[in-house]
Amino acid sequence: MSDNPNNQFEPLILGFTCNWCSYRAADNAGLARLKYPPNIRLIRLMCSGRLDPQFILKGFAEGADGVLVTGCHPGDCHYVEQNYKTMRRFKLLHKTLDQMGVKRGRLKLVWASAAEGMILANEIEKFVEEVRQLGPLNWPKWDKPLEVVADYEVVVEEK
């Protein structure tokens, strides 16, 4: 945080992007020299529909303050209807995160075609600011062995 002269919280954002549309939009944003915050770490997937919800939860558990999922516009998916599956999973993930005490604003879904580099750059910028306003997630790290999970110890028998 020493690079931040205002000592302002800088969130770490994990971004899952569709290979065919939104990853290409990010690439086009770079080619057009459009600026967006360096807070995001993009991971390219073949399709947003292939994103396992566990990857999102693991991202939060490993220190991400926000997760951005991007893909092709509904109806334009290269894998027919996979982005509709993404939408259904997204709703379930919001419910799961609500139960875990994670605010909905930390997980965002954006549709961006390959030609929409400016839109994607703007959405990334808005999302970073939204997460910055929420502050750090501060999910507790599992620094204890799995045998000590709650307020009690589980006895593990050795074989």
N, C-alpha and C. Protein backbone atom coordinates (compact mmCIF):
# COMPACT_ATOMS: atom_id res chain seq x y z
N MET A 1 0.81 -1.20 0.00
CA MET A 1 0.00 0.00 0.00
C MET A 1 0.85 1.26 0.00
N SER A 2 2.15 1.13 -0.03
CA SER A 2 3.00 2.30 -0.01
C SER A 2 2.91 3.09 -1.31
N ASP A 3 2.42 2.47 -2.39
CA ASP A 3 2.26 3.18 -3.66
C ASP A 3 1.06 4.12 -3.64
N ASN A 4 0.22 4.01 -2.64
CA ASN A 4 -1.00 4.78 -2.54
C ASN A 4 -0.76 6.00 -1.65
N PRO A 5 -0.59 7.18 -2.23
CA PRO A 5 -0.25 8.36 -1.42
C PRO A 5 -1.36 8.77 -0.45
N ASN A 6 -2.61 8.49 -0.77
CA ASN A 6 -3.72 8.87 0.10
C ASN A 6 -4.02 7.82 1.14
N ASN A 7 -3.28 6.73 1.13
CA ASN A 7 -3.49 5.62 2.05
C ASN A 7 -4.93 5.10 1.96
N GLN A 8 -5.48 5.16 0.77
CA GLN A 8 -6.84 4.70 0.51
C GLN A 8 -6.80 3.20 0.23
N PHE A 9 -7.83 2.51 0.69
CA PHE A 9 -7.94 1.07 0.46
C PHE A 9 -8.01 0.78 -1.03
N GLU A 10 -7.18 -0.13 -1.50
CA GLU A 10 -7.19 -0.56 -2.89
C GLU A 10 -7.63 -2.02 -2.95
N PRO A 11 -8.83 -2.26 -3.46
CA PRO A 11 -9.35 -3.63 -3.48
C PRO A 11 -8.65 -4.51 -4.51
N LEU A 12 -8.61 -5.79 -4.22
CA LEU A 12 -8.13 -6.78 -5.17
C LEU A 12 -9.36 -7.41 -5.80
N ILE A 13 -9.47 -7.31 -7.11
CA ILE A 13 -10.62 -7.82 -7.84
C ILE A 13 -10.17 -8.99 -8.71
N LEU A 14 -10.92 -10.06 -8.64
CA LEU A 14 -10.68 -11.23 -9.47
C LEU A 14 -11.70 -11.19 -10.60
N GLY A 15 -11.24 -11.28 -11.84
CA GLY A 15 -12.14 -11.20 -12.98
C GLY A 15 -12.09 -12.47 -13.82
N PHE A 16 -13.23 -13.10 -13.99
CA PHE A 16 -13.35 -14.27 -14.86
C PHE A 16 -13.97 -13.81 -16.17
N THR A 17 -13.27 -14.01 -17.28
CA THR A 17 -13.73 -13.49 -18.56
C THR A 17 -13.91 -14.62 -19.57
N CYS A 18 -14.93 -14.46 -20.39
CA CYS A 18 -15.20 -15.38 -21.49
C CYS A 18 -14.15 -15.16 -22.59
N ASN A 19 -13.61 -16.23 -23.10
CA ASN A 19 -12.58 -16.16 -24.14
C ASN A 19 -13.05 -15.44 -25.40
N TRP A 20 -14.29 -15.67 -25.79
CA TRP A 20 -14.75 -15.21 -27.09
C TRP A 20 -15.23 -13.77 -27.10
N CYS A 21 -15.70 -13.28 -25.98
CA CYS A 21 -16.24 -11.91 -25.99
C CYS A 21 -15.52 -11.00 -25.01
N SER A 22 -15.72 -11.21 -23.73
CA SER A 22 -15.22 -10.22 -22.78
C SER A 22 -13.70 -10.20 -22.64
N TYR A 23 -13.03 -11.34 -22.83
CA TYR A 23 -11.57 -11.31 -22.80
C TYR A 23 -11.06 -10.51 -24.00
N ARG A 24 -11.72 -10.68 -25.13
CA ARG A 24 -11.35 -9.92 -26.32
C ARG A 24 -11.69 -8.43 -26.13
N ALA A 25 -12.76 -8.14 -25.40
CA ALA A 25 -13.09 -6.74 -25.10
C ALA A 25 -11.99 -6.11 -24.24
N ALA A 26 -11.48 -6.87 -23.27
CA ALA A 26 -10.38 -6.37 -22.44
C ALA A 26 -9.13 -6.15 -23.28
N ASP A 27 -8.89 -7.07 -24.19
CA ASP A 27 -7.75 -6.93 -25.09
C ASP A 27 -7.91 -5.69 -25.98
N ASN A 28 -9.11 -5.51 -26.51
CA ASN A 28 -9.37 -4.33 -27.36
C ASN A 28 -9.27 -3.03 -26.56
N ALA A 29 -9.66 -3.07 -25.29
CA ALA A 29 -9.52 -1.88 -24.45
C ALA A 29 -8.04 -1.53 -24.32
N GLY A 30 -7.21 -2.53 -24.16
CA GLY A 30 -5.77 -2.29 -24.07
C GLY A 30 -5.20 -1.77 -25.37
N LEU A 31 -5.64 -2.35 -26.49
CA LEU A 31 -5.17 -1.88 -27.80
C LEU A 31 -5.58 -0.44 -28.07
N ALA A 32 -6.76 -0.06 -27.57
CA ALA A 32 -7.24 1.31 -27.76
C ALA A 32 -6.68 2.26 -26.70
N ARG A 33 -5.80 1.72 -25.85
CA ARG A 33 -5.17 2.49 -24.77
C ARG A 33 -6.19 3.08 -23.80
N LEU A 34 -7.29 2.35 -23.61
CA LEU A 34 -8.27 2.75 -22.61
C LEU A 34 -7.75 2.34 -21.23
N LYS A 35 -7.93 3.19 -20.28
CA LYS A 35 -7.42 2.93 -18.94
C LYS A 35 -8.51 2.33 -18.06
N TYR A 36 -8.13 1.32 -17.30
CA TYR A 36 -8.99 0.86 -16.22
C TYR A 36 -8.07 0.47 -15.07
N PRO A 37 -8.59 0.45 -13.86
CA PRO A 37 -7.74 0.25 -12.69
C PRO A 37 -6.96 -1.07 -12.75
N PRO A 38 -5.74 -1.05 -12.25
CA PRO A 38 -4.92 -2.27 -12.25
C PRO A 38 -5.29 -3.23 -11.13
N ASN A 39 -6.36 -2.96 -10.43
CA ASN A 39 -6.77 -3.78 -9.30
C ASN A 39 -7.30 -5.15 -9.72
N ILE A 40 -7.65 -5.30 -10.97
CA ILE A 40 -8.29 -6.53 -11.42
C ILE A 40 -7.27 -7.50 -12.00
N ARG A 41 -7.45 -8.77 -11.67
CA ARG A 41 -6.64 -9.85 -12.22
C ARG A 41 -7.57 -10.70 -13.07
N LEU A 42 -7.37 -10.68 -14.39
CA LEU A 42 -8.27 -11.39 -15.30
C LEU A 42 -7.84 -12.84 -15.50
N ILE A 43 -8.82 -13.70 -15.47
CA ILE A 43 -8.61 -15.12 -15.75
C ILE A 43 -9.53 -15.47 -16.91
N ARG A 44 -8.93 -15.98 -17.97
CA ARG A 44 -9.70 -16.30 -19.17
C ARG A 44 -10.27 -17.71 -19.07
N LEU A 45 -11.57 -17.80 -19.35
CA LEU A 45 -12.28 -19.07 -19.43
C LEU A 45 -12.80 -19.23 -20.85
N MET A 46 -13.04 -20.42 -21.28
CA MET A 46 -13.62 -20.59 -22.61
C MET A 46 -15.04 -20.03 -22.67
N CYS A 47 -15.75 -20.11 -21.54
CA CYS A 47 -17.12 -19.62 -21.50
C CYS A 47 -17.48 -19.31 -20.05
N SER A 48 -18.27 -18.26 -19.85
CA SER A 48 -18.71 -17.95 -18.48
C SER A 48 -19.54 -19.09 -17.90
N GLY A 49 -20.18 -19.87 -18.76
CA GLY A 49 -20.96 -21.02 -18.31
C GLY A 49 -20.11 -22.14 -17.74
N ARG A 50 -18.81 -22.11 -18.01
CA ARG A 50 -17.89 -23.13 -17.49
C ARG A 50 -17.31 -22.74 -16.13
N LEU A 51 -17.68 -21.58 -15.62
CA LEU A 51 -17.16 -21.11 -14.35
C LEU A 51 -17.82 -21.87 -13.20
N ASP A 52 -17.02 -22.63 -12.50
CA ASP A 52 -17.50 -23.36 -11.33
C ASP A 52 -17.68 -22.37 -10.19
N PRO A 53 -18.84 -22.34 -9.55
CA PRO A 53 -19.06 -21.41 -8.43
C PRO A 53 -18.01 -21.53 -7.32
N GLN A 54 -17.41 -22.70 -7.20
CA GLN A 54 -16.37 -22.88 -6.19
C GLN A 54 -15.16 -21.98 -6.46
N PHE A 55 -14.90 -21.66 -7.73
CA PHE A 55 -13.79 -20.76 -8.04
C PHE A 55 -14.03 -19.37 -7.46
N ILE A 56 -15.27 -18.93 -7.51
CA ILE A 56 -15.62 -17.62 -6.95
C ILE A 56 -15.44 -17.63 -5.44
N LEU A 57 -15.96 -18.67 -4.80
CA LEU A 57 -15.82 -18.77 -3.34
C LEU A 57 -14.36 -18.88 -2.94
N LYS A 58 -13.59 -19.64 -3.70
CA LYS A 58 -12.16 -19.77 -3.41
C LYS A 58 -11.45 -18.43 -3.61
N GLY A 59 -11.87 -17.68 -4.62
CA GLY A 59 -11.29 -16.35 -4.83
C GLY A 59 -11.49 -15.46 -3.62
N PHE A 60 -12.70 -15.45 -3.08
CA PHE A 60 -12.96 -14.67 -1.86
C PHE A 60 -12.13 -15.21 -0.69
N ALA A 61 -12.09 -16.52 -0.56
CA ALA A 61 -11.35 -17.13 0.55
C ALA A 61 -9.86 -16.85 0.46
N GLU A 62 -9.34 -16.67 -0.76
CA GLU A 62 -7.90 -16.44 -0.95
C GLU A 62 -7.53 -14.96 -0.93
N GLY A 63 -8.51 -14.07 -0.66
CA GLY A 63 -8.17 -12.67 -0.48
C GLY A 63 -8.77 -11.67 -1.45
N ALA A 64 -9.58 -12.11 -2.41
CA ALA A 64 -10.22 -11.14 -3.31
C ALA A 64 -11.28 -10.36 -2.55
N ASP A 65 -11.34 -9.07 -2.80
CA ASP A 65 -12.36 -8.23 -2.18
C ASP A 65 -13.62 -8.17 -3.04
N GLY A 66 -13.49 -8.52 -4.31
CA GLY A 66 -14.61 -8.54 -5.22
C GLY A 66 -14.32 -9.48 -6.38
N VAL A 67 -15.38 -10.01 -6.98
CA VAL A 67 -15.24 -10.90 -8.13
C VAL A 67 -16.16 -10.40 -9.24
N LEU A 68 -15.57 -10.23 -10.42
CA LEU A 68 -16.31 -9.79 -11.61
C LEU A 68 -16.35 -10.95 -12.60
N VAL A 69 -17.55 -11.30 -13.02
CA VAL A 69 -17.73 -12.35 -14.02
C VAL A 69 -18.25 -11.68 -15.28
N THR A 70 -17.58 -11.92 -16.41
CA THR A 70 -18.00 -11.30 -17.66
C THR A 70 -18.17 -12.36 -18.74
N GLY A 71 -19.07 -12.09 -19.66
CA GLY A 71 -19.31 -13.04 -20.73
C GLY A 71 -20.03 -12.42 -21.90
N CYS A 72 -20.37 -13.27 -22.86
CA CYS A 72 -21.10 -12.84 -24.05
C CYS A 72 -22.52 -12.41 -23.66
N HIS A 73 -23.10 -11.54 -24.44
CA HIS A 73 -24.48 -11.13 -24.20
C HIS A 73 -25.40 -12.35 -24.32
N PRO A 74 -26.46 -12.41 -23.50
CA PRO A 74 -27.41 -13.51 -23.63
C PRO A 74 -27.93 -13.61 -25.06
N GLY A 75 -27.92 -14.80 -25.58
CA GLY A 75 -28.34 -15.04 -26.95
C GLY A 75 -27.18 -15.02 -27.94
N ASP A 76 -26.02 -14.55 -27.53
CA ASP A 76 -24.86 -14.49 -28.42
C ASP A 76 -23.72 -15.41 -27.97
N CYS A 77 -24.02 -16.35 -27.10
CA CYS A 77 -22.98 -17.24 -26.57
C CYS A 77 -22.48 -18.20 -27.66
N HIS A 78 -21.18 -18.36 -27.72
CA HIS A 78 -20.59 -19.29 -28.67
C HIS A 78 -20.92 -20.74 -28.33
N TYR A 79 -21.35 -20.95 -27.10
CA TYR A 79 -21.75 -22.30 -26.67
C TYR A 79 -23.25 -22.34 -26.43
N VAL A 80 -23.98 -21.71 -27.29
CA VAL A 80 -25.43 -21.67 -27.39
C VAL A 80 -26.09 -20.97 -26.20
N GLU A 81 -26.33 -21.68 -25.10
CA GLU A 81 -27.08 -21.11 -23.98
C GLU A 81 -26.33 -21.13 -22.67
N GLN A 82 -25.02 -21.23 -22.71
CA GLN A 82 -24.26 -21.34 -21.47
C GLN A 82 -24.32 -20.09 -20.60
N ASN A 83 -24.47 -18.91 -21.23
CA ASN A 83 -24.54 -17.72 -20.39
C ASN A 83 -25.87 -17.64 -19.62
N TYR A 84 -26.89 -18.34 -20.08
CA TYR A 84 -28.13 -18.44 -19.30
C TYR A 84 -27.88 -19.28 -18.05
N LYS A 85 -27.04 -20.29 -18.19
CA LYS A 85 -26.65 -21.08 -17.02
C LYS A 85 -25.88 -20.21 -16.04
N THR A 86 -25.04 -19.33 -16.57
CA THR A 86 -24.30 -18.40 -15.73
C THR A 86 -25.25 -17.51 -14.93
N MET A 87 -26.28 -17.01 -15.57
CA MET A 87 -27.26 -16.16 -14.87
C MET A 87 -27.93 -16.92 -13.74
N ARG A 88 -28.31 -18.17 -13.97
CA ARG A 88 -28.96 -18.97 -12.92
C ARG A 88 -28.00 -19.22 -11.77
N ARG A 89 -26.77 -19.57 -12.09
CA ARG A 89 -25.77 -19.79 -11.04
C ARG A 89 -25.50 -18.52 -10.25
N PHE A 90 -25.51 -17.40 -10.96
CA PHE A 90 -25.23 -16.12 -10.33
C PHE A 90 -26.26 -15.81 -9.25
N LYS A 91 -27.53 -16.06 -9.55
CA LYS A 91 -28.59 -15.83 -8.56
C LYS A 91 -28.40 -16.72 -7.33
N LEU A 92 -28.03 -17.97 -7.57
CA LEU A 92 -27.79 -18.87 -6.44
C LEU A 92 -26.56 -18.45 -5.64
N LEU A 93 -25.54 -17.98 -6.33
CA LEU A 93 -24.34 -17.52 -5.63
C LEU A 93 -24.64 -16.31 -4.76
N HIS A 94 -25.47 -15.40 -5.24
CA HIS A 94 -25.85 -14.25 -4.42
C HIS A 94 -26.53 -14.71 -3.14
N LYS A 95 -27.42 -15.68 -3.24
CA LYS A 95 -28.11 -16.20 -2.05
C LYS A 95 -27.12 -16.85 -1.10
N THR A 96 -26.18 -17.61 -1.65
CA THR A 96 -25.16 -18.26 -0.83
C THR A 96 -24.30 -17.23 -0.12
N LEU A 97 -23.85 -16.23 -0.86
CA LEU A 97 -23.00 -15.19 -0.27
C LEU A 97 -23.77 -14.38 0.78
N ASP A 98 -25.07 -14.14 0.54
CA ASP A 98 -25.89 -13.47 1.55
C ASP A 98 -25.85 -14.24 2.86
N GLN A 99 -25.99 -15.56 2.78
CA GLN A 99 -25.98 -16.39 3.98
C GLN A 99 -24.61 -16.41 4.66
N MET A 100 -23.58 -16.13 3.89
CA MET A 100 -22.23 -16.11 4.44
C MET A 100 -21.84 -14.71 4.94
N GLY A 101 -22.73 -13.75 4.77
CA GLY A 101 -22.47 -12.40 5.24
C GLY A 101 -21.66 -11.54 4.28
N VAL A 102 -21.58 -11.97 3.02
CA VAL A 102 -20.85 -11.21 2.00
C VAL A 102 -21.87 -10.36 1.23
N LYS A 103 -21.63 -9.07 1.16
CA LYS A 103 -22.57 -8.17 0.49
C LYS A 103 -22.61 -8.45 -1.00
N ARG A 104 -23.81 -8.33 -1.57
CA ARG A 104 -24.02 -8.61 -3.00
C ARG A 104 -23.15 -7.77 -3.92
N GLY A 105 -22.79 -6.59 -3.49
CA GLY A 105 -22.00 -5.69 -4.31
C GLY A 105 -20.58 -6.19 -4.58
N ARG A 106 -20.17 -7.25 -3.93
CA ARG A 106 -18.83 -7.80 -4.12
C ARG A 106 -18.75 -8.78 -5.29
N LEU A 107 -19.90 -9.15 -5.83
CA LEU A 107 -19.95 -10.08 -6.96
C LEU A 107 -20.80 -9.44 -8.05
N LYS A 108 -20.21 -9.30 -9.22
CA LYS A 108 -20.92 -8.60 -10.30
C LYS A 108 -20.81 -9.40 -11.59
N LEU A 109 -21.88 -9.35 -12.37
CA LEU A 109 -21.95 -10.01 -13.68
C LEU A 109 -22.11 -8.93 -14.75
N VAL A 110 -21.25 -8.98 -15.77
CA VAL A 110 -21.27 -7.99 -16.85
C VAL A 110 -21.23 -8.72 -18.19
N TRP A 111 -22.07 -8.30 -19.11
CA TRP A 111 -22.04 -8.82 -20.47
C TRP A 111 -21.29 -7.83 -21.33
N ALA A 112 -20.31 -8.30 -22.09
CA ALA A 112 -19.56 -7.41 -22.97
C ALA A 112 -19.09 -8.19 -24.19
N SER A 113 -19.44 -7.71 -25.37
CA SER A 113 -18.98 -8.36 -26.60
C SER A 113 -17.55 -7.93 -26.89
N ALA A 114 -16.93 -8.57 -27.84
CA ALA A 114 -15.54 -8.27 -28.20
C ALA A 114 -15.37 -6.82 -28.63
N ALA A 115 -16.41 -6.23 -29.18
CA ALA A 115 -16.33 -4.85 -29.67
C ALA A 115 -16.60 -3.81 -28.57
N GLU A 116 -16.87 -4.26 -27.36
CA GLU A 116 -17.26 -3.34 -26.30
C GLU A 116 -16.15 -3.14 -25.26
N GLY A 117 -14.95 -2.88 -25.74
CA GLY A 117 -13.82 -2.66 -24.84
C GLY A 117 -14.03 -1.47 -23.93
N MET A 118 -14.61 -0.39 -24.45
CA MET A 118 -14.86 0.80 -23.65
C MET A 118 -15.88 0.51 -22.55
N ILE A 119 -16.91 -0.23 -22.90
CA ILE A 119 -17.95 -0.58 -21.91
C ILE A 119 -17.33 -1.42 -20.81
N LEU A 120 -16.53 -2.42 -21.18
CA LEU A 120 -15.90 -3.27 -20.17
C LEU A 120 -14.96 -2.47 -19.28
N ALA A 121 -14.16 -1.59 -19.86
CA ALA A 121 -13.24 -0.76 -19.07
C ALA A 121 -14.03 0.11 -18.09
N ASN A 122 -15.15 0.67 -18.53
CA ASN A 122 -15.99 1.49 -17.64
C ASN A 122 -16.60 0.65 -16.53
N GLU A 123 -17.04 -0.56 -16.86
CA GLU A 123 -17.64 -1.43 -15.85
C GLU A 123 -16.60 -1.85 -14.81
N ILE A 124 -15.38 -2.13 -15.26
CA ILE A 124 -14.32 -2.48 -14.32
C ILE A 124 -14.05 -1.30 -13.39
N GLU A 125 -13.96 -0.11 -13.96
CA GLU A 125 -13.71 1.09 -13.15
C GLU A 125 -14.81 1.30 -12.12
N LYS A 126 -16.07 1.16 -12.54
CA LYS A 126 -17.20 1.32 -11.61
C LYS A 126 -17.15 0.26 -10.51
N PHE A 127 -16.86 -0.98 -10.90
CA PHE A 127 -16.85 -2.06 -9.92
C PHE A 127 -15.74 -1.87 -8.89
N VAL A 128 -14.57 -1.47 -9.33
CA VAL A 128 -13.46 -1.22 -8.39
C VAL A 128 -13.88 -0.14 -7.39
N GLU A 129 -14.53 0.90 -7.86
CA GLU A 129 -14.97 1.98 -6.95
C GLU A 129 -16.05 1.48 -5.99
N GLU A 130 -16.98 0.66 -6.48
CA GLU A 130 -18.02 0.10 -5.62
C GLU A 130 -17.41 -0.76 -4.52
N VAL A 131 -16.45 -1.59 -4.87
CA VAL A 131 -15.81 -2.46 -3.88
C VAL A 131 -14.95 -1.62 -2.93
N ARG A 132 -14.30 -0.59 -3.45
CA ARG A 132 -13.51 0.31 -2.60
C ARG A 132 -14.42 0.93 -1.52
N GLN A 133 -15.64 1.30 -1.91
CA GLN A 133 -16.58 1.88 -0.95
C GLN A 133 -17.02 0.86 0.10
N LEU A 134 -17.08 -0.41 -0.28
CA LEU A 134 -17.46 -1.46 0.67
C LEU A 134 -16.35 -1.75 1.68
N GLY A 135 -15.12 -1.46 1.28
CA GLY A 135 -13.98 -1.72 2.16
C GLY A 135 -13.47 -3.14 1.99
N PRO A 136 -12.44 -3.49 2.74
CA PRO A 136 -11.87 -4.84 2.60
C PRO A 136 -12.86 -5.91 3.05
N LEU A 137 -12.80 -7.05 2.40
CA LEU A 137 -13.69 -8.15 2.76
C LEU A 137 -13.29 -8.75 4.11
N ASN A 138 -11.99 -8.94 4.31
CA ASN A 138 -11.48 -9.48 5.57
C ASN A 138 -12.12 -10.80 5.97
N TRP A 139 -12.25 -11.68 5.00
CA TRP A 139 -12.72 -13.02 5.33
C TRP A 139 -11.65 -13.68 6.18
N PRO A 140 -12.05 -14.37 7.23
CA PRO A 140 -11.03 -15.00 8.08
C PRO A 140 -10.30 -16.10 7.32
N LYS A 141 -9.00 -16.13 7.50
CA LYS A 141 -8.18 -17.17 6.87
C LYS A 141 -8.21 -18.42 7.73
N TRP A 142 -8.20 -19.56 7.08
CA TRP A 142 -8.15 -20.82 7.81
C TRP A 142 -6.69 -21.12 8.12
N ASP A 143 -6.23 -20.59 9.23
CA ASP A 143 -4.85 -20.80 9.61
C ASP A 143 -4.69 -21.97 10.57
N LYS A 144 -5.80 -22.62 10.90
CA LYS A 144 -5.77 -23.76 11.80
C LYS A 144 -5.97 -25.03 11.00
N PRO A 145 -5.45 -26.15 11.51
CA PRO A 145 -5.71 -27.41 10.80
C PRO A 145 -7.20 -27.72 10.78
N LEU A 146 -7.61 -28.52 9.82
CA LEU A 146 -9.03 -28.85 9.68
C LEU A 146 -9.60 -29.54 10.92
N GLU A 147 -8.74 -30.12 11.75
CA GLU A 147 -9.23 -30.79 12.96
C GLU A 147 -9.82 -29.79 13.95
N VAL A 148 -9.37 -28.54 13.89
CA VAL A 148 -9.88 -27.52 14.79
C VAL A 148 -10.70 -26.56 13.94
N VAL A 149 -12.00 -26.82 13.86
CA VAL A 149 -12.83 -26.06 12.94
C VAL A 149 -13.67 -25.01 13.67
N ALA A 150 -14.30 -25.39 14.74
CA ALA A 150 -15.16 -24.43 15.44
C ALA A 150 -14.57 -24.17 16.83
N ASP A 151 -15.45 -24.12 17.81
CA ASP A 151 -15.00 -23.89 19.19
C ASP A 151 -14.59 -25.20 19.86
N TYR A 152 -14.64 -26.26 19.15
CA TYR A 152 -14.29 -27.55 19.73
C TYR A 152 -13.27 -28.24 18.86
N GLU A 153 -12.61 -29.21 19.44
CA GLU A 153 -11.62 -29.96 18.69
C GLU A 153 -12.20 -31.29 18.25
N VAL A 154 -11.92 -31.68 17.06
CA VAL A 154 -12.36 -32.96 16.53
C VAL A 154 -11.18 -33.92 16.68
N VAL A 155 -11.45 -35.05 17.29
CA VAL A 155 -10.38 -36.03 17.47
C VAL A 155 -10.28 -36.85 16.21
N VAL A 156 -9.10 -36.90 15.65
CA VAL A 156 -8.85 -37.66 14.44
C VAL A 156 -8.09 -38.91 14.82
N GLU A 157 -8.69 -40.06 14.48
CA GLU A 157 -8.04 -41.33 14.81
C GLU A 157 -6.96 -41.61 13.78
N GLU A 158 -5.81 -42.02 14.27
CA GLU A 158 -4.72 -42.42 13.37
C GLU A 158 -4.88 -43.89 13.04
N LYS A 159 -4.59 -44.23 11.81
CA LYS A 159 -4.72 -45.62 11.37
C LYS A 159 -3.42 -46.32 11.42
